[in-house]
Amino acid sequence: NADIARMAERILWMQDGQITREEENATRIAAEALSW
């Protein structure tokens, strides 16, 4: 979920059960700032 990724320390992309990409989130936001 793209909104949850905005507050995560690391973002992982998966394909066919494998991690295909890993990225550190340099611009994290607080969970309270997310809108659902």
PDB file of N, CA and C in Angstrom:
ATOM      1  N   ASN A   1       0.832  -1.165   0.000  1.00  0.00           N
ATOM      2  CA  ASN A   1       0.000   0.000   0.000  1.00  0.00           C
ATOM      3  C   ASN A   1       0.889   1.244   0.000  1.00  0.00           C
ATOM      4  N   ALA A   2       0.688   2.101  -0.941  1.00  0.00           N
ATOM      5  CA  ALA A   2       1.534   3.289  -1.101  1.00  0.00           C
ATOM      6  C   ALA A   2       1.449   4.232   0.095  1.00  0.00           C
ATOM      7  N   ASP A   3       0.270   4.355   0.720  1.00  0.00           N
ATOM      8  CA  ASP A   3       0.147   5.239   1.885  1.00  0.00           C
ATOM      9  C   ASP A   3       0.947   4.709   3.065  1.00  0.00           C
ATOM     10  N   ILE A   4       0.902   3.417   3.308  1.00  0.00           N
ATOM     11  CA  ILE A   4       1.669   2.820   4.402  1.00  0.00           C
ATOM     12  C   ILE A   4       3.159   2.960   4.131  1.00  0.00           C
ATOM     13  N   ALA A   5       3.576   2.837   2.897  1.00  0.00           N
ATOM     14  CA  ALA A   5       4.992   2.970   2.542  1.00  0.00           C
ATOM     15  C   ALA A   5       5.534   4.344   2.904  1.00  0.00           C
ATOM     16  N   ARG A   6       4.682   5.356   2.909  1.00  0.00           N
ATOM     17  CA  ARG A   6       5.134   6.717   3.232  1.00  0.00           C
ATOM     18  C   ARG A   6       5.603   6.845   4.675  1.00  0.00           C
ATOM     19  N   MET A   7       5.151   5.951   5.578  1.00  0.00           N
ATOM     20  CA  MET A   7       5.574   6.028   6.976  1.00  0.00           C
ATOM     21  C   MET A   7       6.618   4.973   7.329  1.00  0.00           C
ATOM     22  N   ALA A   8       6.912   4.081   6.405  1.00  0.00           N
ATOM     23  CA  ALA A   8       7.848   2.985   6.672  1.00  0.00           C
ATOM     24  C   ALA A   8       9.302   3.440   6.621  1.00  0.00           C
ATOM     25  N   GLU A   9      10.122   2.763   7.407  1.00  0.00           N
ATOM     26  CA  GLU A   9      11.565   3.035   7.376  1.00  0.00           C
ATOM     27  C   GLU A   9      12.181   2.464   6.103  1.00  0.00           C
ATOM     28  N   ARG A  10      11.737   1.271   5.738  1.00  0.00           N
ATOM     29  CA  ARG A  10      12.212   0.624   4.511  1.00  0.00           C
ATOM     30  C   ARG A  10      11.017   0.187   3.686  1.00  0.00           C
ATOM     31  N   ILE A  11      11.178   0.239   2.389  1.00  0.00           N
ATOM     32  CA  ILE A  11      10.120  -0.172   1.474  1.00  0.00           C
ATOM     33  C   ILE A  11      10.652  -1.347   0.666  1.00  0.00           C
ATOM     34  N   LEU A  12       9.888  -2.434   0.656  1.00  0.00           N
ATOM     35  CA  LEU A  12      10.279  -3.632  -0.082  1.00  0.00           C
ATOM     36  C   LEU A  12       9.283  -3.876  -1.206  1.00  0.00           C
ATOM     37  N   TRP A  13       9.786  -4.229  -2.366  1.00  0.00           N
ATOM     38  CA  TRP A  13       8.961  -4.637  -3.493  1.00  0.00           C
ATOM     39  C   TRP A  13       9.164  -6.132  -3.673  1.00  0.00           C
ATOM     40  N   MET A  14       8.056  -6.849  -3.869  1.00  0.00           N
ATOM     41  CA  MET A  14       8.131  -8.299  -4.017  1.00  0.00           C
ATOM     42  C   MET A  14       7.491  -8.734  -5.322  1.00  0.00           C
ATOM     43  N   GLN A  15       8.042  -9.816  -5.858  1.00  0.00           N
ATOM     44  CA  GLN A  15       7.490 -10.410  -7.067  1.00  0.00           C
ATOM     45  C   GLN A  15       7.763 -11.899  -7.009  1.00  0.00           C
ATOM     46  N   ASP A  16       6.745 -12.694  -7.213  1.00  0.00           N
ATOM     47  CA  ASP A  16       6.861 -14.152  -7.183  1.00  0.00           C
ATOM     48  C   ASP A  16       7.496 -14.652  -5.891  1.00  0.00           C
ATOM     49  N   GLY A  17       7.147 -14.027  -4.757  1.00  0.00           N
ATOM     50  CA  GLY A  17       7.650 -14.447  -3.459  1.00  0.00           C
ATOM     51  C   GLY A  17       9.081 -14.037  -3.159  1.00  0.00           C
ATOM     52  N   GLN A  18       9.686 -13.234  -4.019  1.00  0.00           N
ATOM     53  CA  GLN A  18      11.066 -12.791  -3.842  1.00  0.00           C
ATOM     54  C   GLN A  18      11.105 -11.269  -3.691  1.00  0.00           C
ATOM     55  N   ILE A  19      12.023 -10.784  -2.856  1.00  0.00           N
ATOM     56  CA  ILE A  19      12.237  -9.344  -2.752  1.00  0.00           C
ATOM     57  C   ILE A  19      13.025  -8.914  -3.981  1.00  0.00           C
ATOM     58  N   THR A  20      12.432  -8.028  -4.778  1.00  0.00           N
ATOM     59  CA  THR A  20      13.080  -7.593  -6.013  1.00  0.00           C
ATOM     60  C   THR A  20      13.730  -6.221  -5.879  1.00  0.00           C
ATOM     61  N   ARG A  21      13.335  -5.497  -4.831  1.00  0.00           N
ATOM     62  CA  ARG A  21      13.881  -4.155  -4.635  1.00  0.00           C
ATOM     63  C   ARG A  21      13.700  -3.765  -3.175  1.00  0.00           C
ATOM     64  N   GLU A  22      14.677  -3.061  -2.634  1.00  0.00           N
ATOM     65  CA  GLU A  22      14.606  -2.558  -1.262  1.00  0.00           C
ATOM     66  C   GLU A  22      15.101  -1.121  -1.268  1.00  0.00           C
ATOM     67  N   GLU A  23      14.364  -0.262  -0.585  1.00  0.00           N
ATOM     68  CA  GLU A  23      14.709   1.157  -0.586  1.00  0.00           C
ATOM     69  C   GLU A  23      14.495   1.737   0.809  1.00  0.00           C
ATOM     70  N   GLU A  24      15.414   2.574   1.256  1.00  0.00           N
ATOM     71  CA  GLU A  24      15.241   3.278   2.520  1.00  0.00           C
ATOM     72  C   GLU A  24      14.409   4.526   2.253  1.00  0.00           C
ATOM     73  N   ASN A  25      13.429   4.755   3.102  1.00  0.00           N
ATOM     74  CA  ASN A  25      12.541   5.900   2.944  1.00  0.00           C
ATOM     75  C   ASN A  25      13.161   7.106   3.645  1.00  0.00           C
ATOM     76  N   ALA A  26      13.644   8.055   2.899  1.00  0.00           N
ATOM     77  CA  ALA A  26      14.313   9.234   3.453  1.00  0.00           C
ATOM     78  C   ALA A  26      13.324  10.290   3.941  1.00  0.00           C
ATOM     79  N   THR A  27      12.074  10.220   3.501  1.00  0.00           N
ATOM     80  CA  THR A  27      11.083  11.242   3.868  1.00  0.00           C
ATOM     81  C   THR A  27       9.877  10.593   4.536  1.00  0.00           C
ATOM     82  N   ARG A  28      10.100  10.009   5.697  1.00  0.00           N
ATOM     83  CA  ARG A  28       9.022   9.349   6.428  1.00  0.00           C
ATOM     84  C   ARG A  28       8.045  10.374   6.994  1.00  0.00           C
ATOM     85  N   ILE A  29       6.783   9.965   7.072  1.00  0.00           N
ATOM     86  CA  ILE A  29       5.775  10.803   7.713  1.00  0.00           C
ATOM     87  C   ILE A  29       5.203  10.038   8.904  1.00  0.00           C
ATOM     88  N   ALA A  30       4.618  10.757   9.839  1.00  0.00           N
ATOM     89  CA  ALA A  30       4.012  10.133  11.016  1.00  0.00           C
ATOM     90  C   ALA A  30       2.735   9.398  10.622  1.00  0.00           C
ATOM     91  N   ALA A  31       2.440   8.330  11.334  1.00  0.00           N
ATOM     92  CA  ALA A  31       1.230   7.555  11.054  1.00  0.00           C
ATOM     93  C   ALA A  31      -0.023   8.423  11.174  1.00  0.00           C
ATOM     94  N   GLU A  32      -0.001   9.365  12.097  1.00  0.00           N
ATOM     95  CA  GLU A  32      -1.162  10.245  12.293  1.00  0.00           C
ATOM     96  C   GLU A  32      -1.432  11.126  11.074  1.00  0.00           C
ATOM     97  N   ALA A  33      -0.430  11.331  10.243  1.00  0.00           N
ATOM     98  CA  ALA A  33      -0.577  12.192   9.068  1.00  0.00           C
ATOM     99  C   ALA A  33      -1.187  11.457   7.877  1.00  0.00           C
ATOM    100  N   LEU A  34      -1.312  10.139   7.965  1.00  0.00           N
ATOM    101  CA  LEU A  34      -1.902   9.378   6.862  1.00  0.00           C
ATOM    102  C   LEU A  34      -3.408   9.606   6.816  1.00  0.00           C
ATOM    103  N   SER A  35      -3.947   9.655   5.612  1.00  0.00           N
ATOM    104  CA  SER A  35      -5.402   9.737   5.466  1.00  0.00           C
ATOM    105  C   SER A  35      -5.876   8.465   4.780  1.00  0.00           C
ATOM    106  N   TRP A  36      -6.941   7.889   5.303  1.00  0.00           N
ATOM    107  CA  TRP A  36      -7.444   6.616   4.788  1.00  0.00           C
ATOM    108  C   TRP A  36      -8.705   6.821   4.009  1.00  0.00           C
TER     109      TRP A  36
END
